[in-house]
Amino acid sequence: MMKKLVAYGNICLVLACVGYGTKLFLDGDSLDREYWVTLVALVALLPMTLAGYFPWRKSEQAEEE
């Protein structure tokens, strides 16, 4: 349950960050370094939080065992 909550939370944070960046861009503001670092960090963590929730990942893990 906790893994699923963390995964959904991370997806929501990535979407919120992208939406915020889109709003800033459309308003004519520049996207500073902190925005890009945050977005890259959230996207980098996304595959780790989603591991095990997709059928192809489960079949690969079963073959390794």
N, C-alpha and C. Protein backbone atom coordinates (compact mmCIF):
# COMPACT_ATOMS: atom_id res chain seq x y z
N MET A 1 0.82 -1.20 0.00
CA MET A 1 0.00 0.00 0.00
C MET A 1 0.86 1.26 0.00
N MET A 2 1.92 1.25 0.82
CA MET A 2 2.77 2.44 0.90
C MET A 2 3.53 2.68 -0.40
N LYS A 3 3.97 1.58 -1.06
CA LYS A 3 4.68 1.73 -2.34
C LYS A 3 3.77 2.36 -3.38
N LYS A 4 2.51 1.94 -3.39
CA LYS A 4 1.56 2.48 -4.35
C LYS A 4 1.30 3.96 -4.07
N LEU A 5 1.20 4.33 -2.82
CA LEU A 5 0.98 5.72 -2.44
C LEU A 5 2.17 6.59 -2.87
N VAL A 6 3.37 6.09 -2.65
CA VAL A 6 4.58 6.83 -3.05
C VAL A 6 4.64 6.97 -4.57
N ALA A 7 4.28 5.91 -5.29
CA ALA A 7 4.29 5.97 -6.75
C ALA A 7 3.30 7.01 -7.27
N TYR A 8 2.08 6.97 -6.75
CA TYR A 8 1.09 7.96 -7.18
C TYR A 8 1.50 9.38 -6.78
N GLY A 9 2.09 9.52 -5.62
CA GLY A 9 2.57 10.83 -5.19
C GLY A 9 3.64 11.37 -6.11
N ASN A 10 4.57 10.50 -6.53
CA ASN A 10 5.63 10.93 -7.42
C ASN A 10 5.08 11.33 -8.78
N ILE A 11 4.13 10.56 -9.29
CA ILE A 11 3.51 10.91 -10.58
C ILE A 11 2.81 12.26 -10.48
N CYS A 12 2.11 12.50 -9.39
CA CYS A 12 1.42 13.78 -9.20
C CYS A 12 2.41 14.93 -9.10
N LEU A 13 3.52 14.72 -8.41
CA LEU A 13 4.53 15.78 -8.30
C LEU A 13 5.16 16.10 -9.65
N VAL A 14 5.44 15.08 -10.46
CA VAL A 14 6.00 15.31 -11.79
C VAL A 14 5.01 16.10 -12.64
N LEU A 15 3.74 15.69 -12.63
CA LEU A 15 2.74 16.41 -13.42
C LEU A 15 2.55 17.84 -12.93
N ALA A 16 2.58 18.04 -11.62
CA ALA A 16 2.45 19.40 -11.07
C ALA A 16 3.65 20.25 -11.47
N CYS A 17 4.83 19.67 -11.44
CA CYS A 17 6.04 20.42 -11.81
C CYS A 17 6.01 20.79 -13.30
N VAL A 18 5.59 19.86 -14.14
CA VAL A 18 5.48 20.14 -15.58
C VAL A 18 4.41 21.20 -15.83
N GLY A 19 3.29 21.10 -15.15
CA GLY A 19 2.24 22.10 -15.30
C GLY A 19 2.68 23.48 -14.85
N TYR A 20 3.41 23.53 -13.75
CA TYR A 20 3.92 24.81 -13.25
C TYR A 20 4.92 25.41 -14.25
N GLY A 21 5.79 24.57 -14.79
CA GLY A 21 6.76 25.04 -15.79
C GLY A 21 6.08 25.54 -17.05
N THR A 22 5.03 24.84 -17.46
CA THR A 22 4.27 25.27 -18.64
C THR A 22 3.60 26.61 -18.39
N LYS A 23 3.05 26.79 -17.20
CA LYS A 23 2.42 28.07 -16.85
C LYS A 23 3.45 29.19 -16.87
N LEU A 24 4.62 28.95 -16.27
CA LEU A 24 5.67 29.97 -16.27
C LEU A 24 6.10 30.31 -17.69
N PHE A 25 6.28 29.28 -18.52
CA PHE A 25 6.72 29.49 -19.89
C PHE A 25 5.70 30.28 -20.68
N LEU A 26 4.42 29.94 -20.53
CA LEU A 26 3.38 30.65 -21.27
C LEU A 26 3.19 32.08 -20.77
N ASP A 27 3.51 32.33 -19.51
CA ASP A 27 3.44 33.69 -18.97
C ASP A 27 4.64 34.53 -19.37
N GLY A 28 5.63 33.91 -20.01
CA GLY A 28 6.81 34.65 -20.47
C GLY A 28 7.94 34.68 -19.47
N ASP A 29 7.80 33.98 -18.36
CA ASP A 29 8.89 33.92 -17.38
C ASP A 29 9.91 32.88 -17.81
N SER A 30 11.12 33.04 -17.30
CA SER A 30 12.16 32.06 -17.62
C SER A 30 12.14 30.94 -16.59
N LEU A 31 12.51 29.76 -17.03
CA LEU A 31 12.59 28.60 -16.15
C LEU A 31 14.01 28.54 -15.60
N ASP A 32 14.13 28.77 -14.30
CA ASP A 32 15.46 28.84 -13.69
C ASP A 32 16.02 27.44 -13.43
N ARG A 33 17.24 27.44 -12.94
CA ARG A 33 17.97 26.19 -12.71
C ARG A 33 17.29 25.32 -11.66
N GLU A 34 16.72 25.92 -10.64
CA GLU A 34 16.05 25.15 -9.59
C GLU A 34 14.88 24.35 -10.14
N TYR A 35 14.14 24.93 -11.09
CA TYR A 35 13.03 24.21 -11.71
C TYR A 35 13.53 22.97 -12.44
N TRP A 36 14.58 23.14 -13.24
CA TRP A 36 15.10 22.02 -14.03
C TRP A 36 15.70 20.94 -13.14
N VAL A 37 16.39 21.33 -12.08
CA VAL A 37 16.96 20.34 -11.15
C VAL A 37 15.85 19.55 -10.48
N THR A 38 14.81 20.22 -10.05
CA THR A 38 13.68 19.54 -9.42
C THR A 38 13.00 18.59 -10.39
N LEU A 39 12.77 19.03 -11.61
CA LEU A 39 12.11 18.18 -12.60
C LEU A 39 12.96 16.96 -12.94
N VAL A 40 14.25 17.15 -13.13
CA VAL A 40 15.14 16.02 -13.45
C VAL A 40 15.18 15.04 -12.29
N ALA A 41 15.22 15.53 -11.06
CA ALA A 41 15.26 14.64 -9.89
C ALA A 41 13.97 13.83 -9.79
N LEU A 42 12.83 14.47 -9.99
CA LEU A 42 11.56 13.75 -9.92
C LEU A 42 11.43 12.71 -11.04
N VAL A 43 11.86 13.07 -12.24
CA VAL A 43 11.78 12.12 -13.35
C VAL A 43 12.77 10.98 -13.15
N ALA A 44 13.93 11.26 -12.56
CA ALA A 44 14.90 10.20 -12.29
C ALA A 44 14.39 9.22 -11.24
N LEU A 45 13.63 9.69 -10.29
CA LEU A 45 13.08 8.81 -9.25
C LEU A 45 11.85 8.03 -9.72
N LEU A 46 11.22 8.48 -10.78
CA LEU A 46 9.98 7.86 -11.24
C LEU A 46 10.13 6.37 -11.57
N PRO A 47 11.13 5.94 -12.34
CA PRO A 47 11.23 4.50 -12.64
C PRO A 47 11.43 3.64 -11.39
N MET A 48 12.14 4.15 -10.41
CA MET A 48 12.37 3.38 -9.19
C MET A 48 11.08 3.22 -8.38
N THR A 49 10.24 4.24 -8.39
CA THR A 49 9.00 4.15 -7.62
C THR A 49 7.95 3.31 -8.33
N LEU A 50 8.07 3.19 -9.65
CA LEU A 50 7.09 2.42 -10.41
C LEU A 50 7.52 0.97 -10.64
N ALA A 51 8.71 0.60 -10.21
CA ALA A 51 9.20 -0.77 -10.42
C ALA A 51 8.27 -1.77 -9.75
N GLY A 52 7.89 -2.78 -10.50
CA GLY A 52 7.03 -3.82 -9.96
C GLY A 52 5.55 -3.60 -10.21
N TYR A 53 5.16 -2.50 -10.82
CA TYR A 53 3.74 -2.24 -11.07
C TYR A 53 3.32 -2.57 -12.49
N PHE A 54 4.26 -3.02 -13.31
CA PHE A 54 3.93 -3.32 -14.70
C PHE A 54 4.20 -4.78 -15.00
N PRO A 55 3.38 -5.42 -15.83
CA PRO A 55 3.52 -6.86 -16.08
C PRO A 55 4.88 -7.25 -16.66
N TRP A 56 5.44 -6.43 -17.57
CA TRP A 56 6.71 -6.82 -18.16
C TRP A 56 7.83 -6.78 -17.14
N ARG A 57 7.75 -5.92 -16.15
CA ARG A 57 8.76 -5.88 -15.09
C ARG A 57 8.63 -7.11 -14.20
N LYS A 58 7.43 -7.54 -13.93
CA LYS A 58 7.22 -8.71 -13.07
C LYS A 58 7.74 -9.97 -13.75
N SER A 59 7.55 -10.10 -15.07
CA SER A 59 8.02 -11.29 -15.76
C SER A 59 9.54 -11.32 -15.82
N GLU A 60 10.18 -10.17 -15.97
CA GLU A 60 11.64 -10.11 -15.96
C GLU A 60 12.18 -10.49 -14.59
N GLN A 61 11.54 -10.02 -13.55
CA GLN A 61 11.99 -10.34 -12.20
C GLN A 61 11.79 -11.81 -11.89
N ALA A 62 10.73 -12.42 -12.41
CA ALA A 62 10.48 -13.84 -12.17
C ALA A 62 11.52 -14.70 -12.89
N GLU A 63 11.95 -14.27 -14.07
CA GLU A 63 12.97 -15.02 -14.81
C GLU A 63 14.31 -14.98 -14.11
N GLU A 64 14.63 -13.86 -13.46
CA GLU A 64 15.90 -13.73 -12.76
C GLU A 64 15.96 -14.62 -11.54
N GLU A 65 14.82 -14.88 -10.91
CA GLU A 65 14.79 -15.71 -9.72
C GLU A 65 14.86 -17.14 -10.13
